[in-house]
Every structure is written in C-alpha cells, then in structure tokens.
Amino acid sequence: MANLEMSMNEKRQASNPFQFAILVDEQGREIAITEEMIQQACADLAKRCQFPAARKAA
C-alpha cells in the first residue's frame, strides 16, 4: 500500500505539471520565466505584427 501513496509534492505535480518554467542560459544557470516576462514578449510581438486595417461596414 505504501507504493500506492504519493507524497504531497507528487500529488501536486500529478495534478498540475506546469507550475513553473525555466530558461537555461549558456552557463547552465536556470532562470525562472515570470508572468511579466511573458507579457513583455507578447507586447513586443504585437508591436511587430501587421494587423489588417479595420473595414467600414458596407
């Protein structure tokens, strides 16, 4: 029965495997990816996109 029981950490990982993400730099250091980093990347991408002009209803 002990094999069937999971630790609290294992249960948490099983329910949500994407609790955090990291980048690994050239020196092998782990850098946590934050929500702010993702929002900045999305904002930068939106600036570079060419969105179609709004059309007037006919």
PDB file of N, CA and C in Angstrom:
ATOM      1  N   MET A   1       0.819  -1.196   0.000  1.00  0.00           N
ATOM      2  CA  MET A   1       0.000   0.000   0.000  1.00  0.00           C
ATOM      3  C   MET A   1       0.863   1.261   0.000  1.00  0.00           C
ATOM      4  N   ALA A   2       2.033   1.192   0.601  1.00  0.00           N
ATOM      5  CA  ALA A   2       2.916   2.355   0.635  1.00  0.00           C
ATOM      6  C   ALA A   2       3.301   2.800  -0.772  1.00  0.00           C
ATOM      7  N   ASN A   3       3.434   1.844  -1.688  1.00  0.00           N
ATOM      8  CA  ASN A   3       3.783   2.195  -3.065  1.00  0.00           C
ATOM      9  C   ASN A   3       2.678   2.972  -3.755  1.00  0.00           C
ATOM     10  N   LEU A   4       1.441   2.785  -3.330  1.00  0.00           N
ATOM     11  CA  LEU A   4       0.316   3.463  -3.967  1.00  0.00           C
ATOM     12  C   LEU A   4       0.132   4.887  -3.459  1.00  0.00           C
ATOM     13  N   GLU A   5       0.674   5.185  -2.285  1.00  0.00           N
ATOM     14  CA  GLU A   5       0.516   6.516  -1.724  1.00  0.00           C
ATOM     15  C   GLU A   5       1.569   7.445  -2.305  1.00  0.00           C
ATOM     16  N   MET A   6       1.137   8.667  -2.594  1.00  0.00           N
ATOM     17  CA  MET A   6       2.060   9.663  -3.126  1.00  0.00           C
ATOM     18  C   MET A   6       2.331  10.711  -2.062  1.00  0.00           C
ATOM     19  N   SER A   7       3.503  11.282  -2.111  1.00  0.00           N
ATOM     20  CA  SER A   7       3.786  12.405  -1.223  1.00  0.00           C
ATOM     21  C   SER A   7       2.953  13.602  -1.689  1.00  0.00           C
ATOM     22  N   MET A   8       2.845  14.596  -0.848  1.00  0.00           N
ATOM     23  CA  MET A   8       2.073  15.798  -1.193  1.00  0.00           C
ATOM     24  C   MET A   8       2.653  16.456  -2.438  1.00  0.00           C
ATOM     25  N   ASN A   9       3.967  16.474  -2.563  1.00  0.00           N
ATOM     26  CA  ASN A   9       4.616  17.079  -3.723  1.00  0.00           C
ATOM     27  C   ASN A   9       4.297  16.304  -4.995  1.00  0.00           C
ATOM     28  N   GLU A  10       4.316  14.991  -4.942  1.00  0.00           N
ATOM     29  CA  GLU A  10       3.998  14.174  -6.112  1.00  0.00           C
ATOM     30  C   GLU A  10       2.552  14.364  -6.530  1.00  0.00           C
ATOM     31  N   LYS A  11       1.638  14.483  -5.580  1.00  0.00           N
ATOM     32  CA  LYS A  11       0.231  14.730  -5.904  1.00  0.00           C
ATOM     33  C   LYS A  11       0.087  16.069  -6.611  1.00  0.00           C
ATOM     34  N   ARG A  12       0.782  17.074  -6.106  1.00  0.00           N
ATOM     35  CA  ARG A  12       0.694  18.409  -6.698  1.00  0.00           C
ATOM     36  C   ARG A  12       1.233  18.377  -8.118  1.00  0.00           C
ATOM     37  N   GLN A  13       2.330  17.686  -8.346  1.00  0.00           N
ATOM     38  CA  GLN A  13       2.899  17.604  -9.682  1.00  0.00           C
ATOM     39  C   GLN A  13       2.001  16.820 -10.622  1.00  0.00           C
ATOM     40  N   ALA A  14       1.348  15.789 -10.126  1.00  0.00           N
ATOM     41  CA  ALA A  14       0.466  14.982 -10.960  1.00  0.00           C
ATOM     42  C   ALA A  14      -0.759  15.779 -11.381  1.00  0.00           C
ATOM     43  N   SER A  15      -1.247  16.653 -10.509  1.00  0.00           N
ATOM     44  CA  SER A  15      -2.451  17.415 -10.837  1.00  0.00           C
ATOM     45  C   SER A  15      -2.155  18.598 -11.757  1.00  0.00           C
ATOM     46  N   ASN A  16      -0.974  19.181 -11.667  1.00  0.00           N
ATOM     47  CA  ASN A  16      -0.633  20.341 -12.487  1.00  0.00           C
ATOM     48  C   ASN A  16       0.858  20.312 -12.794  1.00  0.00           C
ATOM     49  N   PRO A  17       1.252  19.705 -13.907  1.00  0.00           N
ATOM     50  CA  PRO A  17       2.678  19.580 -14.196  1.00  0.00           C
ATOM     51  C   PRO A  17       3.347  20.896 -14.598  1.00  0.00           C
ATOM     52  N   PHE A  18       2.585  21.946 -14.892  1.00  0.00           N
ATOM     53  CA  PHE A  18       3.156  23.209 -15.350  1.00  0.00           C
ATOM     54  C   PHE A  18       3.029  24.281 -14.287  1.00  0.00           C
ATOM     55  N   GLN A  19       3.672  24.078 -13.161  1.00  0.00           N
ATOM     56  CA  GLN A  19       3.629  25.063 -12.085  1.00  0.00           C
ATOM     57  C   GLN A  19       4.658  26.169 -12.306  1.00  0.00           C
ATOM     58  N   PHE A  20       5.694  25.897 -13.067  1.00  0.00           N
ATOM     59  CA  PHE A  20       6.714  26.888 -13.345  1.00  0.00           C
ATOM     60  C   PHE A  20       7.474  26.474 -14.599  1.00  0.00           C
ATOM     61  N   ALA A  21       8.218  27.403 -15.139  1.00  0.00           N
ATOM     62  CA  ALA A  21       9.046  27.117 -16.311  1.00  0.00           C
ATOM     63  C   ALA A  21      10.363  27.854 -16.143  1.00  0.00           C
ATOM     64  N   ILE A  22      11.397  27.342 -16.773  1.00  0.00           N
ATOM     65  CA  ILE A  22      12.716  27.961 -16.680  1.00  0.00           C
ATOM     66  C   ILE A  22      13.370  28.028 -18.044  1.00  0.00           C
ATOM     67  N   LEU A  23      14.306  28.939 -18.159  1.00  0.00           N
ATOM     68  CA  LEU A  23      15.227  29.008 -19.283  1.00  0.00           C
ATOM     69  C   LEU A  23      16.591  28.593 -18.749  1.00  0.00           C
ATOM     70  N   VAL A  24      17.404  28.006 -19.583  1.00  0.00           N
ATOM     71  CA  VAL A  24      18.764  27.660 -19.186  1.00  0.00           C
ATOM     72  C   VAL A  24      19.702  28.489 -20.062  1.00  0.00           C
ATOM     73  N   ASP A  25      20.554  29.320 -19.421  1.00  0.00           N
ATOM     74  CA  ASP A  25      21.452  30.169 -20.195  1.00  0.00           C
ATOM     75  C   ASP A  25      22.697  29.396 -20.637  1.00  0.00           C
ATOM     76  N   GLU A  26      23.602  30.076 -21.316  1.00  0.00           N
ATOM     77  CA  GLU A  26      24.793  29.438 -21.877  1.00  0.00           C
ATOM     78  C   GLU A  26      25.685  28.804 -20.811  1.00  0.00           C
ATOM     79  N   GLN A  27      25.640  29.334 -19.587  1.00  0.00           N
ATOM     80  CA  GLN A  27      26.454  28.797 -18.491  1.00  0.00           C
ATOM     81  C   GLN A  27      25.730  27.701 -17.719  1.00  0.00           C
ATOM     82  N   GLY A  28      24.527  27.342 -18.158  1.00  0.00           N
ATOM     83  CA  GLY A  28      23.769  26.292 -17.486  1.00  0.00           C
ATOM     84  C   GLY A  28      22.971  26.762 -16.293  1.00  0.00           C
ATOM     85  N   ARG A  29      22.881  28.074 -16.088  1.00  0.00           N
ATOM     86  CA  ARG A  29      22.095  28.611 -14.974  1.00  0.00           C
ATOM     87  C   ARG A  29      20.620  28.599 -15.337  1.00  0.00           C
ATOM     88  N   GLU A  30      19.792  28.279 -14.364  1.00  0.00           N
ATOM     89  CA  GLU A  30      18.344  28.257 -14.572  1.00  0.00           C
ATOM     90  C   GLU A  30      17.759  29.621 -14.227  1.00  0.00           C
ATOM     91  N   ILE A  31      16.934  30.140 -15.120  1.00  0.00           N
ATOM     92  CA  ILE A  31      16.287  31.437 -14.931  1.00  0.00           C
ATOM     93  C   ILE A  31      14.786  31.201 -15.001  1.00  0.00           C
ATOM     94  N   ALA A  32      14.086  31.538 -13.933  1.00  0.00           N
ATOM     95  CA  ALA A  32      12.640  31.346 -13.890  1.00  0.00           C
ATOM     96  C   ALA A  32      11.960  32.277 -14.888  1.00  0.00           C
ATOM     97  N   ILE A  33      10.977  31.753 -15.605  1.00  0.00           N
ATOM     98  CA  ILE A  33      10.177  32.558 -16.524  1.00  0.00           C
ATOM     99  C   ILE A  33       9.005  33.116 -15.725  1.00  0.00           C
ATOM    100  N   THR A  34       8.887  34.424 -15.709  1.00  0.00           N
ATOM    101  CA  THR A  34       7.830  35.068 -14.939  1.00  0.00           C
ATOM    102  C   THR A  34       6.683  35.505 -15.839  1.00  0.00           C
ATOM    103  N   GLU A  35       5.551  35.779 -15.229  1.00  0.00           N
ATOM    104  CA  GLU A  35       4.406  36.290 -15.987  1.00  0.00           C
ATOM    105  C   GLU A  35       4.765  37.609 -16.653  1.00  0.00           C
ATOM    106  N   GLU A  36       5.535  38.435 -15.970  1.00  0.00           N
ATOM    107  CA  GLU A  36       5.952  39.722 -16.533  1.00  0.00           C
ATOM    108  C   GLU A  36       6.783  39.517 -17.801  1.00  0.00           C
ATOM    109  N   MET A  37       7.655  38.527 -17.804  1.00  0.00           N
ATOM    110  CA  MET A  37       8.467  38.230 -18.985  1.00  0.00           C
ATOM    111  C   MET A  37       7.582  37.821 -20.161  1.00  0.00           C
ATOM    112  N   ILE A  38       6.577  37.015 -19.898  1.00  0.00           N
ATOM    113  CA  ILE A  38       5.662  36.558 -20.951  1.00  0.00           C
ATOM    114  C   ILE A  38       4.847  37.732 -21.486  1.00  0.00           C
ATOM    115  N   GLN A  39       4.354  38.594 -20.589  1.00  0.00           N
ATOM    116  CA  GLN A  39       3.585  39.756 -21.028  1.00  0.00           C
ATOM    117  C   GLN A  39       4.436  40.691 -21.877  1.00  0.00           C
ATOM    118  N   GLN A  40       5.702  40.879 -21.498  1.00  0.00           N
ATOM    119  CA  GLN A  40       6.591  41.738 -22.278  1.00  0.00           C
ATOM    120  C   GLN A  40       6.853  41.140 -23.650  1.00  0.00           C
ATOM    121  N   ALA A  41       7.050  39.833 -23.721  1.00  0.00           N
ATOM    122  CA  ALA A  41       7.277  39.169 -25.003  1.00  0.00           C
ATOM    123  C   ALA A  41       6.055  39.304 -25.900  1.00  0.00           C
ATOM    124  N   CYS A  42       4.861  39.156 -25.330  1.00  0.00           N
ATOM    125  CA  CYS A  42       3.628  39.310 -26.118  1.00  0.00           C
ATOM    126  C   CYS A  42       3.475  40.743 -26.617  1.00  0.00           C
ATOM    127  N   ALA A  43       3.789  41.716 -25.780  1.00  0.00           N
ATOM    128  CA  ALA A  43       3.700  43.120 -26.180  1.00  0.00           C
ATOM    129  C   ALA A  43       4.691  43.414 -27.309  1.00  0.00           C
ATOM    130  N   ASP A  44       5.911  42.893 -27.199  1.00  0.00           N
ATOM    131  CA  ASP A  44       6.917  43.089 -28.250  1.00  0.00           C
ATOM    132  C   ASP A  44       6.456  42.454 -29.561  1.00  0.00           C
ATOM    133  N   LEU A  45       5.883  41.272 -29.475  1.00  0.00           N
ATOM    134  CA  LEU A  45       5.390  40.586 -30.670  1.00  0.00           C
ATOM    135  C   LEU A  45       4.249  41.374 -31.313  1.00  0.00           C
ATOM    136  N   ALA A  46       3.328  41.881 -30.497  1.00  0.00           N
ATOM    137  CA  ALA A  46       2.204  42.658 -31.025  1.00  0.00           C
ATOM    138  C   ALA A  46       2.688  43.908 -31.759  1.00  0.00           C
ATOM    139  N   LYS A  47       3.761  44.519 -31.286  1.00  0.00           N
ATOM    140  CA  LYS A  47       4.311  45.705 -31.948  1.00  0.00           C
ATOM    141  C   LYS A  47       4.864  45.360 -33.333  1.00  0.00           C
ATOM    142  N   ARG A  48       5.351  44.138 -33.502  1.00  0.00           N
ATOM    143  CA  ARG A  48       5.975  43.731 -34.763  1.00  0.00           C
ATOM    144  C   ARG A  48       4.980  43.175 -35.772  1.00  0.00           C
ATOM    145  N   CYS A  49       3.773  42.844 -35.322  1.00  0.00           N
ATOM    146  CA  CYS A  49       2.766  42.259 -36.212  1.00  0.00           C
ATOM    147  C   CYS A  49       2.120  43.333 -37.068  1.00  0.00           C
ATOM    148  N   GLN A  50       1.732  42.950 -38.263  1.00  0.00           N
ATOM    149  CA  GLN A  50       0.986  43.834 -39.151  1.00  0.00           C
ATOM    150  C   GLN A  50      -0.466  43.388 -39.113  1.00  0.00           C
ATOM    151  N   PHE A  51      -1.288  44.128 -38.398  1.00  0.00           N
ATOM    152  CA  PHE A  51      -2.703  43.801 -38.301  1.00  0.00           C
ATOM    153  C   PHE A  51      -3.452  44.456 -39.456  1.00  0.00           C
ATOM    154  N   PRO A  52      -4.456  43.783 -40.016  1.00  0.00           N
ATOM    155  CA  PRO A  52      -5.232  44.380 -41.109  1.00  0.00           C
ATOM    156  C   PRO A  52      -5.988  45.611 -40.608  1.00  0.00           C
ATOM    157  N   ALA A  53      -6.119  46.584 -41.478  1.00  0.00           N
ATOM    158  CA  ALA A  53      -6.871  47.797 -41.117  1.00  0.00           C
ATOM    159  C   ALA A  53      -8.342  47.451 -40.932  1.00  0.00           C
ATOM    160  N   ALA A  54      -8.985  48.166 -40.050  1.00  0.00           N
ATOM    161  CA  ALA A  54     -10.423  47.944 -39.809  1.00  0.00           C
ATOM    162  C   ALA A  54     -11.203  48.407 -41.037  1.00  0.00           C
ATOM    163  N   ARG A  55     -12.192  47.600 -41.427  1.00  0.00           N
ATOM    164  CA  ARG A  55     -13.032  47.943 -42.577  1.00  0.00           C
ATOM    165  C   ARG A  55     -14.333  48.545 -42.105  1.00  0.00           C
ATOM    166  N   LYS A  56     -14.868  49.436 -42.893  1.00  0.00           N
ATOM    167  CA  LYS A  56     -16.172  50.017 -42.589  1.00  0.00           C
ATOM    168  C   LYS A  56     -17.254  49.086 -43.127  1.00  0.00           C
ATOM    169  N   ALA A  57     -18.336  48.984 -42.395  1.00  0.00           N
ATOM    170  CA  ALA A  57     -19.444  48.119 -42.833  1.00  0.00           C
ATOM    171  C   ALA A  57     -20.015  48.649 -44.139  1.00  0.00           C
ATOM    172  N   ALA A  58     -20.344  47.734 -45.054  1.00  0.00           N
ATOM    173  CA  ALA A  58     -20.848  48.131 -46.374  1.00  0.00           C
ATOM    174  C   ALA A  58     -22.342  48.359 -46.356  1.00  0.00           C
TER     175      ALA A  58
END
